[in-house]
Each structure stands twice: as structure tokens, then as C-alpha cells.
Amino acid sequence: MKILNKIVQMVVWFDENGIPTPVRFRFKNKDESFTIIKINDILIRDKEHLAGNPMLVYRCKSYINGIEKLYEIKYEINSCKWILWKI
């Protein structure tokens, strides 16, 4: 997987304990258009600390342009940012 480290706009739902579950996200392309990706499956949900910042890490699977791809998204808890980390 290639590291992207790209901030994305995320649609999530929260369970009764406040744990976020991502549903779909979008990001801006170089030509100013948006790409929307629906998350088909969450394979792994984990916690980590990156440079002292607590993060939730999700390894997900989606169909992108008809091809099944694995990727990793991170939720930075302190700043509430979603990051497309690897694809």
C-alpha cells in the first residue's frame, strides 16, 4: 500500500458508546472534482498513537472503479480529522 496522508470528508455513525463507524468519504482531486467512496467492509478497527496524538485506525475494503481495494483510514481524536492514510 502507498501512503497518501490525505484529509477527507467523512460520513459516519456513532454507536451508543460514542465509537465512530465510517460509512463513506470523499476527497478533492487535482482537477477540483470530488471522488466519493462507499466503505463496503471494515476489516480491522484499532487504536494507535502517532506523534503523541491518539487515533482510531480502520482497515477497510471498497470497490473503486470496479476493482476491490484495501486501504487504511485514520480518525484523529483531538482534532476530529479523518485521514486517508494508505491505499
Protein backbone atom coordinates (compact mmCIF):
# COMPACT_ATOMS: atom_id res chain seq x y z
CA MET A 1 0.00 0.00 0.00
CA LYS A 2 1.10 3.54 -0.77
CA ILE A 3 0.97 6.24 1.94
CA LEU A 4 -1.23 9.21 0.93
CA ASN A 5 -1.89 11.11 4.18
CA LYS A 6 -4.83 12.99 2.61
CA ILE A 7 -7.58 14.68 4.66
CA VAL A 8 -11.05 13.51 3.60
CA GLN A 9 -14.67 14.44 4.34
CA MET A 10 -16.35 11.51 6.10
CA VAL A 11 -19.93 10.36 6.77
CA VAL A 12 -20.03 8.33 9.99
CA TRP A 13 -22.47 6.95 12.51
CA PHE A 14 -21.75 6.59 16.21
CA ASP A 15 -22.86 3.71 18.42
CA GLU A 16 -24.25 4.20 21.94
CA ASN A 17 -20.69 4.20 23.35
CA GLY A 18 -19.55 7.01 21.03
CA ILE A 19 -17.43 4.80 18.76
CA PRO A 20 -17.45 6.15 15.16
CA THR A 21 -18.11 3.81 12.24
CA PRO A 22 -17.25 5.30 8.83
CA VAL A 23 -19.83 4.86 6.04
CA ARG A 24 -18.42 6.77 3.04
CA PHE A 25 -15.97 9.54 2.30
CA ARG A 26 -14.99 11.98 -0.39
CA PHE A 27 -11.86 13.85 -1.34
CA LYS A 28 -10.95 16.53 -3.85
CA ASN A 29 -8.99 15.55 -6.95
CA LYS A 30 -6.36 17.69 -8.64
CA ASP A 31 -8.94 18.95 -11.16
CA GLU A 32 -11.18 20.20 -8.27
CA SER A 33 -13.74 17.39 -8.77
CA PHE A 34 -14.73 15.07 -5.92
CA THR A 35 -14.36 11.29 -5.67
CA ILE A 36 -16.85 9.52 -3.39
CA ILE A 37 -16.01 6.08 -1.98
CA LYS A 38 -18.52 3.90 -0.12
CA ILE A 39 -16.96 1.70 2.54
CA ASN A 40 -18.07 -1.88 1.86
CA ASP A 41 -16.35 -3.62 4.76
CA ILE A 42 -14.33 -2.68 7.85
CA LEU A 43 -11.77 -5.42 8.42
CA ILE A 44 -9.85 -4.04 11.42
CA ARG A 45 -10.57 -1.30 13.97
CA ASP A 46 -7.64 -0.39 16.23
CA LYS A 47 -6.16 2.43 18.33
CA GLU A 48 -2.70 3.94 17.97
CA HIS A 49 -0.68 6.99 18.96
CA LEU A 50 1.00 8.85 16.11
CA ALA A 51 3.39 11.57 17.28
CA GLY A 52 1.55 11.59 20.62
CA ASN A 53 -1.90 12.03 19.02
CA PRO A 54 -4.46 9.31 19.80
CA MET A 55 -6.01 7.90 16.63
CA LEU A 56 -8.52 5.28 15.61
CA VAL A 57 -7.29 3.21 12.67
CA TYR A 58 -9.64 1.43 10.25
CA ARG A 59 -8.52 -1.04 7.60
CA CYS A 60 -11.30 -1.10 5.02
CA LYS A 61 -12.29 -2.65 1.71
CA SER A 62 -14.20 -0.98 -1.15
CA TYR A 63 -14.81 -1.28 -4.87
CA ILE A 64 -13.05 1.62 -6.58
CA ASN A 65 -13.56 1.83 -10.36
CA GLY A 66 -14.78 -1.79 -10.30
CA ILE A 67 -11.67 -3.10 -8.51
CA GLU A 68 -11.70 -4.29 -4.90
CA LYS A 69 -9.10 -2.28 -2.95
CA LEU A 70 -7.81 -2.36 0.62
CA TYR A 71 -7.00 0.93 2.32
CA GLU A 72 -6.45 2.45 5.74
CA ILE A 73 -8.19 5.50 7.19
CA LYS A 74 -7.42 7.21 10.47
CA TYR A 75 -9.52 9.37 12.78
CA GLU A 76 -7.50 11.89 14.76
CA ILE A 77 -9.44 12.16 18.02
CA ASN A 78 -8.10 15.52 19.25
CA SER A 79 -8.74 17.43 16.01
CA CYS A 80 -11.69 15.32 14.70
CA LYS A 81 -9.99 14.93 11.30
CA TRP A 82 -10.31 11.90 9.01
CA ILE A 83 -7.25 10.94 7.00
CA LEU A 84 -6.94 8.54 4.07
CA TRP A 85 -3.61 7.09 5.17
CA LYS A 86 -2.78 4.22 2.81
CA ILE A 87 -4.28 2.80 -0.35
